[in-house]
């Protein structure tokens, strides 16, 4: 007897697939049609269901659609260790059919065949897993009263026997954002005659995130024999074979419950009159611990957090960045100690942080049933150091509106107070170059060392081109060019200007009063200017190419030569900035 089923009843039949569908219906752990070489290590038994919907051509010449619901599908992994894995699976379900033209039959459904199989998994390398799988389909010989399909020819032909090899490259175990690659190759025996046998080739790529994954799989089914009796050697042929391309997404946790949705694009098969339609696939995986799984390997961690300088215990927070499931621990304030139990056997990073201190991480190797210890010493947090100074005119001492640039501190710029010429900066301990600029003045750069907890003051005295600085305090022997010892501080001041401004050239000018002849005063002023140059080069390490000596005698007085005070002022040495030196 045929059973009519309304649209609402059909949706109610398909909805369980959204709640209990296992991600792979090819058998065991995997995607949709592509099997993973690994077995489910986090659960022994998986109870699941999946649903597919496709358009179909019925034998009566009618078109319509079919929905397959495979329920229940069981996957059981009695052995899941780091050396070998064994998994068994089986499924049984029903098919719903409906022609697109209205008939008295309406929706009808029937039971499908029973499929059972197993998988062997062998981890070869940390990223390479190999495996093999085999399954057998038990044909349904009788139809229960009240359940039958409208047109059995519209259903995909069930595989009687299937076996194959599996390979998985689990790059995600090494680098979290890396993709995983899966390869399948095997044989389908659809009937007892070799002409119905198929060879299948499958590949998939999977990119997993936290609670979300993208994947794409491709399956090529190629008949072993062509219609003319020749052997088919095509791998991706579409004339006689079929290719299924299925992109999809997954949402949820692969160790508990997660939804997968995919759409299959079917290619080829037209020459055999067997083109398969596109399909919509929906499933949601659900796993549950059961059976004799290998017990997880765990160890323990014990440690202490102390002040790096004093060794005093600290009240600190301890986390495990690569094992967030271990949670956050707080050390004992009086002893600084902490403990973590049931830590997975692996390389574990322990991170400790405390208020007022810099955080530190320690790598540990946790072994099964053993205690790993960690002593974490935290240095006090480094606070910015106050750096200040005054920018002024080198000749007059007047405050300047200037900018101080610090390239090593992300090119931070600090402006001076125009009224005082003072700049203020806060820099972390370290070495810095400070570049000071003011309109009309030559740029000046100074290197400073900022030390922890030590405020630093660094003044800048800028010079400009053609600036004249009289070197007060240079004394010569009477009527001679010999520099007296008490002149050294003034000469050191002149050398400092040259060192603070390494790019400038300077003219050292000698001047006299009006006593004596012009020729005599000119020669005396030249000798005295040259003596200053020689002193700067020989005693204070100044490059001679930056200095020029020139005497002007009594030709450039700056005071009245008729008085003793005026003549004393005119007897001088001037330091004149000529500009930037030419680059070699």
Protein backbone atom coordinates (compact mmCIF):
# COMPACT_ATOMS: atom_id res chain seq x y z
CA UNK A 1 0.00 0.00 0.00
CA UNK A 2 1.36 3.44 -0.95
CA UNK A 3 1.42 6.11 1.71
CA UNK A 4 0.66 9.75 0.89
CA UNK A 5 2.91 12.26 2.60
CA UNK A 6 2.25 16.01 2.68
CA UNK A 7 4.89 18.71 2.30
CA UNK A 8 4.76 19.39 6.02
CA UNK A 9 5.37 15.72 6.77
CA UNK A 10 8.36 15.69 4.47
CA UNK A 11 9.90 18.73 6.19
CA UNK A 12 9.35 17.06 9.56
CA UNK A 13 11.20 14.05 8.22
CA UNK A 14 14.15 16.13 7.00
CA UNK A 15 14.42 18.39 10.08
CA UNK A 16 16.11 15.72 12.25
CA UNK A 17 19.05 15.94 9.86
CA UNK A 18 19.64 19.46 11.09
CA UNK A 19 19.88 18.20 14.64
CA UNK A 20 21.79 14.93 14.48
CA UNK A 21 23.62 14.73 11.13
CA UNK A 22 27.16 13.37 11.19
CA UNK A 23 29.52 15.40 8.99
CA UNK A 24 30.63 12.54 6.73
CA UNK A 25 28.27 9.97 5.26
CA UNK A 26 31.00 8.03 3.44
CA UNK A 27 31.72 6.30 6.74
CA UNK A 28 33.42 7.56 9.89
CA UNK A 29 35.41 10.73 10.44
CA UNK A 30 35.62 12.94 7.34
CA UNK A 31 33.79 15.49 5.23
CA UNK A 32 30.79 14.47 3.08
CA UNK A 33 32.16 12.04 0.46
CA UNK A 34 35.85 12.21 1.39
CA UNK A 35 37.06 10.19 4.36
CA UNK A 36 39.77 11.36 6.73
CA UNK A 37 42.62 8.93 7.43
CA UNK A 38 42.15 9.62 11.14
CA UNK A 39 39.50 8.16 13.41
CA UNK A 40 37.45 10.13 15.93
CA UNK A 41 39.84 10.35 18.90
CA UNK A 42 37.54 12.35 21.17
CA UNK A 43 34.60 9.94 21.18
CA UNK A 44 34.07 6.22 20.84
CA UNK A 45 30.52 6.27 19.45
CA UNK A 46 28.84 8.73 17.08
CA UNK A 47 25.10 8.54 16.38
CA UNK A 48 24.22 10.67 13.38
CA UNK A 49 21.98 11.32 10.41
CA UNK A 50 22.34 13.20 7.13
CA UNK A 51 20.04 14.42 4.38
CA UNK A 52 20.47 15.05 0.63
CA UNK A 53 18.04 16.63 -1.83
CA UNK A 54 18.34 16.32 -5.64
CA UNK A 55 16.34 16.59 -8.85
CA UNK A 56 15.79 13.26 -10.66
CA UNK A 57 14.46 11.71 -13.86
CA UNK A 58 11.87 8.97 -13.20
CA UNK A 59 11.45 5.91 -15.39
CA UNK A 60 7.95 7.02 -16.41
CA UNK A 61 9.52 10.03 -18.17
CA UNK A 62 8.63 12.36 -15.36
CA UNK A 63 11.03 14.63 -13.53
CA UNK A 64 10.93 15.35 -9.83
CA UNK A 65 13.09 15.34 -6.78
CA UNK A 66 14.31 12.95 -4.12
CA UNK A 67 15.34 13.49 -0.52
CA UNK A 68 17.55 10.84 1.14
CA UNK A 69 17.62 10.58 4.92
CA UNK A 70 20.18 8.15 6.28
CA UNK A 71 19.28 7.22 9.86
CA UNK A 72 20.73 6.05 12.00
CA UNK A 73 24.38 6.25 10.99
CA UNK A 74 26.69 4.86 13.64
CA UNK A 75 30.46 5.31 13.89
CA UNK A 76 32.34 3.53 16.67
CA UNK A 77 36.07 3.85 17.42
CA UNK A 78 37.09 1.15 19.94
CA UNK A 79 40.78 2.00 19.47
CA UNK A 80 42.11 5.55 19.12
CA UNK A 81 45.73 5.93 20.17
CA UNK A 82 48.69 7.89 18.85
CA UNK A 83 49.95 4.69 17.19
CA UNK A 84 46.84 3.18 15.58
CA UNK A 85 43.12 3.81 15.27
CA UNK A 86 40.24 1.46 14.41
CA UNK A 87 36.71 2.57 13.52
CA UNK A 88 33.52 0.74 12.50
CA UNK A 89 30.51 2.36 10.86
CA UNK A 90 27.07 1.46 9.54
CA UNK A 91 23.98 3.20 8.18
CA UNK A 92 20.39 2.60 7.15
CA UNK A 93 17.79 5.08 5.98
CA UNK A 94 14.91 6.05 3.76
CA UNK A 95 14.29 7.84 0.46
CA UNK A 96 11.45 10.27 -0.30
CA UNK A 97 10.30 10.78 -3.91
CA UNK A 98 7.89 13.24 -5.53
CA UNK A 99 7.30 13.82 -9.29
CA UNK A 100 6.98 17.46 -10.25
CA UNK A 101 3.54 16.80 -11.87
CA UNK A 102 0.72 16.12 -9.45
CA UNK A 103 -0.25 12.44 -9.27
CA UNK A 104 -2.41 10.38 -7.04
CA UNK A 105 0.71 8.90 -5.54
CA UNK A 106 1.92 12.20 -4.06
CA UNK A 107 5.00 11.74 -1.88
CA UNK A 108 6.14 8.16 -1.33
CA UNK A 109 9.04 6.76 0.63
CA UNK A 110 10.93 3.51 1.07
CA UNK A 111 13.72 1.97 3.13
CA UNK A 112 17.25 1.98 1.77
CA UNK A 113 19.94 -0.70 1.91
CA UNK A 114 22.05 -1.40 4.99
CA UNK A 115 25.72 -0.39 4.74
CA UNK A 116 28.51 -1.47 7.13
CA UNK A 117 32.26 -0.99 7.09
CA UNK A 118 35.46 -0.18 8.96
CA UNK A 119 38.57 1.97 8.88
CA UNK A 120 42.17 1.44 10.01
CA UNK A 121 44.25 4.57 10.76
CA UNK A 122 48.04 4.72 11.18
CA UNK A 123 49.76 8.03 12.11
CA UNK A 124 53.08 7.93 10.22
CA UNK A 125 54.40 11.43 11.00
CA UNK A 126 53.06 14.30 13.13
CA UNK A 127 51.35 15.70 10.03
CA UNK A 128 50.91 12.58 7.88
CA UNK A 129 48.18 10.03 8.65
CA UNK A 130 47.56 6.96 6.46
CA UNK A 131 44.60 4.63 6.52
CA UNK A 132 42.44 2.10 4.74
CA UNK A 133 38.71 1.55 4.60
CA UNK A 134 36.29 -1.13 3.43
CA UNK A 135 32.49 -1.38 3.40
CA UNK A 136 29.74 -3.72 2.20
CA UNK A 137 26.12 -2.95 1.33
CA UNK A 138 23.45 -5.52 2.17
CA UNK A 139 20.68 -5.28 -0.40
CA UNK A 140 17.08 -4.97 0.81
CA UNK A 141 15.19 -7.92 -0.69
CA UNK A 142 11.72 -7.10 0.61
CA UNK A 143 9.66 -3.98 1.07
CA UNK A 144 7.75 -3.59 4.27
CA UNK A 145 4.02 -3.15 3.84
CA UNK A 146 3.13 0.48 3.43
CA UNK A 147 6.63 1.58 2.40
CA UNK A 148 7.84 1.54 -1.18
CA UNK A 149 9.67 3.83 -3.57
CA UNK A 150 7.89 5.33 -6.56
CA UNK A 151 10.74 4.58 -8.97
CA UNK A 152 13.86 2.63 -7.77
CA UNK A 153 15.70 3.49 -11.01
CA UNK A 154 15.79 7.15 -9.97
CA UNK A 155 17.90 6.37 -6.92
CA UNK A 156 21.74 6.24 -7.15
CA UNK A 157 22.96 2.69 -7.51
CA UNK A 158 24.13 1.30 -4.18
CA UNK A 159 27.71 0.07 -3.91
CA UNK A 160 27.88 -3.61 -2.92
CA UNK A 161 31.55 -3.60 -1.92
CA UNK A 162 34.01 -0.71 -1.58
CA UNK A 163 37.58 -0.41 -0.35
CA UNK A 164 40.30 2.22 -0.61
CA UNK A 165 43.35 3.95 0.76
CA UNK A 166 43.37 7.23 2.69
CA UNK A 167 45.99 9.90 3.35
CA UNK A 168 45.65 13.06 5.43
CA UNK A 169 48.16 15.92 5.72
CA UNK A 170 47.19 17.53 9.03
CA UNK A 171 49.24 20.74 8.72
CA UNK A 172 47.01 22.36 11.32
CA UNK A 173 48.80 20.32 13.99
CA UNK A 174 51.96 22.33 13.23
CA UNK A 175 50.61 25.77 12.32
CA UNK A 176 47.13 26.65 13.48
CA UNK A 177 46.05 28.71 10.41
CA UNK A 178 47.40 26.13 7.92
CA UNK A 179 44.96 24.03 5.84
CA UNK A 180 44.55 20.24 5.96
CA UNK A 181 44.61 18.09 2.81
CA UNK A 182 42.88 14.72 2.37
CA UNK A 183 43.38 12.19 -0.46
CA UNK A 184 41.26 9.08 -1.19
CA UNK A 185 41.60 6.39 -3.87
CA UNK A 186 39.73 3.10 -4.04
CA UNK A 187 37.27 0.76 -5.74
CA UNK A 188 33.47 0.49 -5.90
CA UNK A 189 31.95 -2.88 -6.86
CA UNK A 190 28.34 -2.10 -7.76
CA UNK A 191 27.27 -5.51 -9.09
CA UNK A 192 28.74 -8.93 -9.59
CA UNK A 193 29.88 -8.16 -13.16
CA UNK A 194 33.21 -6.35 -13.64
CA UNK A 195 31.60 -3.98 -16.18
CA UNK A 196 29.79 -2.27 -13.30
CA UNK A 197 32.90 -1.70 -11.15
CA UNK A 198 34.20 1.82 -10.54
CA UNK A 199 37.46 3.36 -9.39
CA UNK A 200 37.15 6.53 -7.34
CA UNK A 201 39.65 9.34 -6.70
CA UNK A 202 38.99 11.95 -4.05
CA UNK A 203 40.69 15.05 -2.68
CA UNK A 204 39.69 17.71 -0.17
CA UNK A 205 41.10 20.82 1.48
CA UNK A 206 39.90 21.97 4.90
CA UNK A 207 40.62 25.27 6.67
CA UNK A 208 39.58 25.18 10.31
CA UNK A 209 39.14 28.08 12.69
CA UNK A 210 37.62 28.40 16.14
CA UNK A 211 33.99 27.34 15.78
CA UNK A 212 34.10 27.72 11.99
CA UNK A 213 35.59 25.86 9.02
CA UNK A 214 35.62 26.10 5.22
CA UNK A 215 36.18 23.07 3.02
CA UNK A 216 35.97 21.87 -0.57
CA UNK A 217 36.01 18.27 -1.78
CA UNK A 218 36.14 16.61 -5.20
CA UNK A 219 35.24 13.00 -6.01
CA UNK A 220 35.80 11.40 -9.42
CA UNK A 221 33.97 8.10 -10.10
CA UNK A 222 35.28 6.34 -13.23
CA UNK A 223 33.91 3.05 -14.64
CA UNK A 224 36.60 0.41 -14.98
CA UNK A 225 35.26 -0.74 -18.37
CA UNK A 226 34.04 1.37 -21.31
CA UNK A 227 30.93 0.38 -23.33
CA UNK A 228 33.14 -1.06 -26.11
CA UNK A 229 34.92 -3.38 -23.68
CA UNK A 230 38.14 -1.36 -23.38
CA UNK A 231 39.60 -0.55 -19.98
CA UNK A 232 38.98 3.02 -18.81
CA UNK A 233 42.19 4.72 -17.73
CA UNK A 234 40.74 8.21 -17.16
CA UNK A 235 41.08 9.80 -13.73
CA UNK A 236 39.01 12.93 -14.28
CA UNK A 237 36.96 11.84 -17.29
CA UNK A 238 33.48 13.26 -17.74
CA UNK A 239 32.41 11.35 -20.87
CA UNK A 240 31.74 8.08 -19.06
CA UNK A 241 32.50 8.99 -15.45
CA UNK A 242 31.10 11.38 -12.89
CA UNK A 243 32.82 14.17 -10.95
CA UNK A 244 31.29 15.66 -7.81
CA UNK A 245 32.55 19.06 -6.56
CA UNK A 246 31.27 20.06 -3.13
CA UNK A 247 32.20 23.32 -1.37
CA UNK A 248 30.84 23.74 2.13
CA UNK A 249 31.04 25.33 5.54
CA UNK A 250 30.98 23.95 9.07
CA UNK A 251 29.91 25.73 12.23
CA UNK A 252 30.43 24.43 15.77
CA UNK A 253 32.81 22.26 17.74
CA UNK A 254 34.14 19.10 16.01
CA UNK A 255 34.36 17.31 19.37
CA UNK A 256 30.68 17.81 20.28
CA UNK A 257 28.08 19.24 17.86
CA UNK A 258 28.52 21.13 14.62
CA UNK A 259 26.52 21.86 11.49
CA UNK A 260 27.82 21.29 7.95
CA UNK A 261 26.18 22.51 4.75
CA UNK A 262 27.38 21.81 1.22
CA UNK A 263 26.27 21.99 -2.41
CA UNK A 264 27.42 19.36 -4.92
CA UNK A 265 28.02 20.23 -8.56
CA UNK A 266 27.82 16.99 -10.61
CA UNK A 267 29.65 16.76 -13.95
CA UNK A 268 29.78 14.14 -16.69
CA UNK A 269 28.14 10.80 -17.40
CA UNK A 270 26.02 11.95 -20.34
CA UNK A 271 27.42 9.29 -22.72
CA UNK A 272 26.04 6.56 -20.48
CA UNK A 273 22.75 8.32 -19.91
CA UNK A 274 23.57 8.55 -16.26
CA UNK A 275 24.22 12.21 -15.52
CA UNK A 276 23.74 12.72 -11.81
CA UNK A 277 21.95 15.86 -10.62
CA UNK A 278 23.34 18.53 -8.31
CA UNK A 279 22.67 18.02 -4.61
CA UNK A 280 22.11 20.00 -1.44
CA UNK A 281 23.64 18.31 1.61
CA UNK A 282 22.90 19.20 5.20
CA UNK A 283 24.28 17.60 8.34
CA UNK A 284 25.13 18.27 11.94
CA UNK A 285 27.70 16.09 13.73
CA UNK A 286 27.17 14.87 17.26
CA UNK A 287 29.74 12.81 19.17
CA UNK A 288 29.54 11.14 22.58
CA UNK A 289 32.22 9.34 24.65
CA UNK A 290 31.69 5.60 24.80
CA UNK A 291 33.70 2.39 24.86
CA UNK A 292 37.35 1.61 25.43
CA UNK A 293 39.15 4.71 24.35
CA UNK A 294 42.78 5.19 25.19
CA UNK A 295 42.99 7.32 28.30
CA UNK A 296 44.34 10.83 27.72
CA UNK A 297 47.88 11.38 28.91
CA UNK A 298 48.20 14.08 31.56
CA UNK A 299 50.89 15.61 33.71
CA UNK A 300 51.08 18.36 36.32
CA UNK A 301 52.72 21.77 36.62
CA UNK A 302 53.87 23.43 39.82
CA UNK A 303 55.67 26.74 40.02
CA UNK A 304 56.29 30.04 41.71
CA UNK A 305 56.31 33.68 40.60
CA UNK A 306 58.81 36.05 42.25
CA UNK A 307 60.27 39.54 41.94
CA UNK A 308 63.31 39.31 39.64
CA UNK A 309 65.37 41.70 41.80
CA UNK A 310 64.42 40.81 45.36
CA UNK A 311 63.12 37.26 45.00
CA UNK A 312 60.00 38.18 46.96
CA UNK A 313 56.86 36.12 46.14
CA UNK A 314 54.24 37.86 44.02
CA UNK A 315 50.47 37.70 43.77
CA UNK A 316 50.34 37.01 40.03
CA UNK A 317 48.02 35.71 37.32
CA UNK A 318 49.11 32.57 35.48
CA UNK A 319 47.69 31.56 32.08
CA UNK A 320 48.43 28.95 29.42
CA UNK A 321 48.17 30.64 25.98
CA UNK A 322 48.28 27.45 23.93
CA UNK A 323 46.00 25.50 26.32
CA UNK A 324 43.15 27.89 27.23
CA UNK A 325 41.11 24.98 28.61
CA UNK A 326 43.39 25.01 31.65
CA UNK A 327 41.90 28.36 32.63
CA UNK A 328 43.49 31.17 34.64
CA UNK A 329 45.29 30.59 37.94
CA UNK A 330 46.17 33.00 40.76
CA UNK A 331 49.31 32.48 42.81
CA UNK A 332 49.31 32.35 46.59
CA UNK A 333 50.16 35.90 47.69
CA UNK A 334 52.36 34.74 50.59
CA UNK A 335 54.37 32.12 48.69
CA UNK A 336 53.88 33.04 45.01
CA UNK A 337 53.16 29.38 44.18
CA UNK A 338 50.61 27.86 41.79
CA UNK A 339 49.59 24.37 40.62
CA UNK A 340 47.91 23.03 37.49
CA UNK A 341 46.60 19.47 37.21
CA UNK A 342 45.42 17.41 34.23
CA UNK A 343 47.73 19.23 31.86
CA UNK A 344 47.87 17.51 28.42
CA UNK A 345 51.18 15.85 27.62
CA UNK A 346 52.78 18.33 25.22
CA UNK A 347 54.87 21.46 25.04
CA UNK A 348 53.13 24.01 27.27
CA UNK A 349 53.73 27.75 27.52
CA UNK A 350 53.17 29.28 30.97
CA UNK A 351 52.65 33.05 31.15
CA UNK A 352 52.75 35.04 34.40
CA UNK A 353 51.77 38.67 34.94
CA UNK A 354 51.42 40.93 37.95
CA UNK A 355 50.51 44.57 38.50
CA UNK A 356 53.57 46.79 38.25
CA UNK A 357 55.65 44.07 36.57
CA UNK A 358 56.43 42.99 33.04
CA UNK A 359 54.86 39.67 32.01
CA UNK A 360 57.08 36.69 31.22
CA UNK A 361 56.52 33.31 29.53
CA UNK A 362 58.27 30.01 30.23
CA UNK A 363 58.13 26.93 27.93
CA UNK A 364 57.73 23.54 29.59
CA UNK A 365 57.55 19.94 28.40
CA UNK A 366 54.82 18.09 30.30
CA UNK A 367 55.25 14.32 30.52
CA UNK A 368 52.70 11.67 31.47
CA UNK A 369 52.17 11.38 35.24
CA UNK A 370 55.18 13.62 35.92
CA UNK A 371 55.52 17.03 37.58
CA UNK A 372 56.97 19.91 35.55
CA UNK A 373 58.23 22.90 37.53
CA UNK A 374 58.43 26.55 36.54
CA UNK A 375 60.14 29.40 38.43
CA UNK A 376 59.08 32.65 36.80
CA UNK A 377 60.92 35.86 37.74
CA UNK A 378 59.14 39.08 36.81
CA UNK A 379 61.10 42.33 36.36
CA UNK A 380 59.48 45.51 37.53
CA UNK A 381 57.59 47.33 34.82
CA UNK A 382 59.65 50.05 33.23
CA UNK A 383 58.13 53.53 33.52
CA UNK A 384 58.82 56.39 31.11
CA UNK A 385 61.61 58.76 32.16
CA UNK A 386 61.28 62.53 32.12
CA UNK A 387 63.61 64.12 29.54
CA UNK A 388 63.71 67.91 29.41
CA UNK A 389 65.95 70.74 28.27
CA UNK A 390 66.18 74.30 26.98
CA UNK A 391 66.78 75.39 23.39
CA UNK A 392 68.49 78.79 23.04
CA UNK A 393 70.56 81.01 20.73
CA UNK A 394 74.24 80.09 21.19
CA UNK A 395 75.45 83.69 21.02
CA UNK A 396 72.76 85.60 22.93
CA UNK A 397 71.26 82.88 25.13
CA UNK A 398 67.71 83.91 24.09
CA UNK A 399 64.98 81.21 24.22
CA UNK A 400 63.96 79.72 20.88
CA UNK A 401 60.71 78.24 19.58
CA UNK A 402 61.93 74.89 18.31
CA UNK A 403 60.93 71.25 17.74
CA UNK A 404 62.70 68.20 19.14
CA UNK A 405 62.30 65.05 17.02
CA UNK A 406 63.10 61.57 18.44
CA UNK A 407 63.37 59.05 15.55
CA UNK A 408 63.80 56.01 17.82
CA UNK A 409 60.52 56.81 19.61
CA UNK A 410 58.38 56.46 16.49
CA UNK A 411 59.57 59.92 15.34
CA UNK A 412 57.82 61.64 18.25
CA UNK A 413 57.92 65.44 18.06
CA UNK A 414 58.10 67.71 21.11
CA UNK A 415 57.67 71.50 20.86
CA UNK A 416 59.41 74.00 23.11
CA UNK A 417 57.63 76.70 25.03
CA UNK A 418 58.34 79.81 22.90
CA UNK A 419 58.72 81.98 26.01
CA UNK A 420 61.18 79.74 27.84
CA UNK A 421 62.57 77.51 25.09
CA UNK A 422 61.95 74.45 27.28
CA UNK A 423 60.81 71.09 25.84
CA UNK A 424 59.55 68.10 27.82
CA UNK A 425 59.47 64.45 26.73
CA UNK A 426 58.76 61.08 28.36
CA UNK A 427 60.91 58.27 26.97
CA UNK A 428 61.41 54.65 27.93
CA UNK A 429 64.95 53.70 29.04
CA UNK A 430 67.29 53.34 26.08
CA UNK A 431 69.46 55.24 23.64
CA UNK A 432 67.95 58.00 21.53
CA UNK A 433 69.03 60.68 19.09
CA UNK A 434 67.27 64.02 19.55
CA UNK A 435 67.10 66.26 16.50
CA UNK A 436 66.40 69.94 17.29
CA UNK A 437 65.35 72.47 14.65
CA UNK A 438 64.36 76.13 14.73
CA UNK A 439 63.70 78.46 11.78
CA UNK A 440 66.84 80.35 10.75
CA UNK A 441 69.19 78.07 12.70
CA UNK A 442 71.25 75.04 11.76
CA UNK A 443 69.80 71.68 12.78
CA UNK A 444 71.51 70.07 15.77
CA UNK A 445 71.49 66.38 16.73
CA UNK A 446 72.54 64.86 20.05
CA UNK A 447 72.59 61.25 21.26
CA UNK A 448 71.36 60.65 24.80
CA UNK A 449 71.16 57.62 27.06
CA UNK A 450 67.95 57.47 29.09
CA UNK A 451 68.41 55.41 32.23
CA UNK A 452 65.69 53.88 34.37
CA UNK A 453 64.39 56.12 37.16
CA UNK A 454 66.91 58.88 36.26
CA UNK A 455 65.38 62.09 34.86
CA UNK A 456 67.58 63.59 32.16
CA UNK A 457 68.28 67.25 31.22
CA UNK A 458 69.79 68.03 27.80
CA UNK A 459 70.07 71.64 26.60
CA UNK A 460 70.64 72.73 23.01
CA UNK A 461 72.39 75.94 21.94
CA UNK A 462 71.75 76.52 18.25
CA UNK A 463 73.93 78.40 15.83
CA UNK A 464 73.08 80.06 12.54
CA UNK A 465 75.05 80.73 9.41
CA UNK A 466 77.39 83.78 9.75
CA UNK A 467 76.81 83.90 13.48
CA UNK A 468 79.79 85.63 15.19
CA UNK A 469 80.77 84.38 18.63
CA UNK A 470 83.55 86.25 20.40
CA UNK A 471 85.75 83.87 22.35
CA UNK A 472 86.08 85.82 25.57
CA UNK A 473 88.87 84.57 27.78
CA UNK A 474 91.59 83.74 25.23
CA UNK A 475 94.86 85.36 26.44
CA UNK A 476 98.19 85.65 24.64
CA UNK A 477 101.64 86.60 25.84
CA UNK A 478 102.37 90.29 25.27
CA UNK A 479 103.11 91.10 21.67
CA UNK A 480 103.15 87.40 20.84
CA UNK A 481 100.84 84.59 19.53
CA UNK A 482 101.50 82.19 22.40
CA UNK A 483 98.25 81.10 24.09
CA UNK A 484 98.30 81.25 27.87
CA UNK A 485 97.13 78.17 29.88
CA UNK A 486 94.18 80.00 31.40
CA UNK A 487 92.63 80.19 27.89
CA UNK A 488 91.78 76.46 27.83
CA UNK A 489 88.17 76.70 29.16
CA UNK A 490 87.27 79.18 26.40
CA UNK A 491 88.89 77.00 23.75
CA UNK A 492 87.06 73.91 25.06
CA UNK A 493 83.81 75.86 24.73
CA UNK A 494 84.66 76.57 21.09
CA UNK A 495 85.46 72.90 20.50
CA UNK A 496 82.11 71.95 22.06
CA UNK A 497 80.28 74.08 19.49
CA UNK A 498 82.11 72.26 16.71
CA UNK A 499 81.33 68.85 18.20
CA UNK A 500 77.68 69.63 18.79
CA UNK A 501 77.40 70.80 15.19
CA UNK A 502 79.60 68.34 13.29
CA UNK A 503 78.51 69.66 9.90
CA UNK A 504 79.66 73.30 10.23
CA UNK A 505 82.79 75.11 9.01
CA UNK A 506 84.26 77.94 11.04
CA UNK A 507 86.53 80.89 10.41
CA UNK A 508 88.78 81.81 13.36
CA UNK A 509 89.32 85.56 13.09
CA UNK A 510 92.13 87.46 14.83
CA UNK A 511 91.70 91.19 15.68
CA UNK A 512 93.96 93.80 17.34
CA UNK A 513 93.69 97.36 18.66
CA UNK A 514 95.11 100.35 16.75
CA UNK A 515 98.50 100.57 18.51
CA UNK A 516 101.33 99.81 16.12
CA UNK A 517 101.46 99.85 12.35
CA UNK A 518 98.72 98.31 10.23
CA UNK A 519 101.11 95.74 8.72
CA UNK A 520 102.41 94.67 12.12
CA UNK A 521 98.88 94.35 13.58
CA UNK A 522 97.75 92.31 10.54
CA UNK A 523 100.62 89.83 10.92
CA UNK A 524 100.04 89.57 14.71
CA UNK A 525 96.32 88.91 14.24
CA UNK A 526 97.04 86.23 11.61
CA UNK A 527 99.53 84.46 13.90
CA UNK A 528 97.12 84.54 16.84
CA UNK A 529 94.23 83.17 14.71
CA UNK A 530 96.48 80.36 13.47
CA UNK A 531 97.54 79.58 17.05
CA UNK A 532 93.86 79.08 17.99
CA UNK A 533 93.33 76.76 15.02
CA UNK A 534 96.43 74.74 15.92
CA UNK A 535 95.28 74.42 19.52
CA UNK A 536 91.82 73.19 18.52
CA UNK A 537 93.32 70.60 16.18
CA UNK A 538 96.25 69.40 18.26
CA UNK A 539 94.80 69.59 21.77
CA UNK A 540 91.03 69.16 21.32
CA UNK A 541 90.76 66.81 18.32
CA UNK A 542 89.02 69.07 15.77
CA UNK A 543 89.35 68.23 12.08
CA UNK A 544 91.63 70.88 10.50
CA UNK A 545 89.55 70.90 7.27
CA UNK A 546 86.67 72.49 9.19
CA UNK A 547 88.76 75.46 10.35
CA UNK A 548 90.11 78.54 8.58
CA UNK A 549 92.45 81.08 10.24
CA UNK A 550 92.38 84.69 9.11
CA UNK A 551 93.76 87.92 10.60
CA UNK A 552 92.10 91.29 10.18
CA UNK A 553 94.50 93.45 12.28
CA UNK A 554 92.94 96.70 13.39
CA UNK A 555 90.53 96.94 10.42
CA UNK A 556 87.39 95.76 12.24
CA UNK A 557 87.15 97.51 15.64
CA UNK A 558 84.01 96.99 17.73
CA UNK A 559 84.93 99.63 20.40
CA UNK A 560 86.70 103.00 20.69
CA UNK A 561 90.47 102.59 20.24
CA UNK A 562 91.11 105.88 22.03
CA UNK A 563 90.42 104.36 25.45
CA UNK A 564 92.09 101.54 27.31
CA UNK A 565 88.76 99.71 27.75
CA UNK A 566 87.92 100.06 24.06
CA UNK A 567 91.33 98.79 22.97
CA UNK A 568 90.96 95.78 25.32
CA UNK A 569 87.66 94.88 23.63
CA UNK A 570 89.14 95.19 20.14
CA UNK A 571 91.92 92.72 21.03
CA UNK A 572 89.79 89.63 20.45
CA UNK A 573 89.32 86.30 18.64
CA UNK A 574 86.01 85.76 16.83
CA UNK A 575 84.44 82.41 16.01
CA UNK A 576 82.39 82.86 12.78
CA UNK A 577 79.99 80.13 11.45
CA UNK A 578 80.51 79.85 7.67
CA UNK A 579 77.79 77.21 7.13
CA UNK A 580 77.62 73.47 6.53
CA UNK A 581 80.77 71.66 5.47
CA UNK A 582 80.74 69.97 2.07
CA UNK A 583 80.10 66.20 2.19
CA UNK A 584 83.01 64.09 1.03
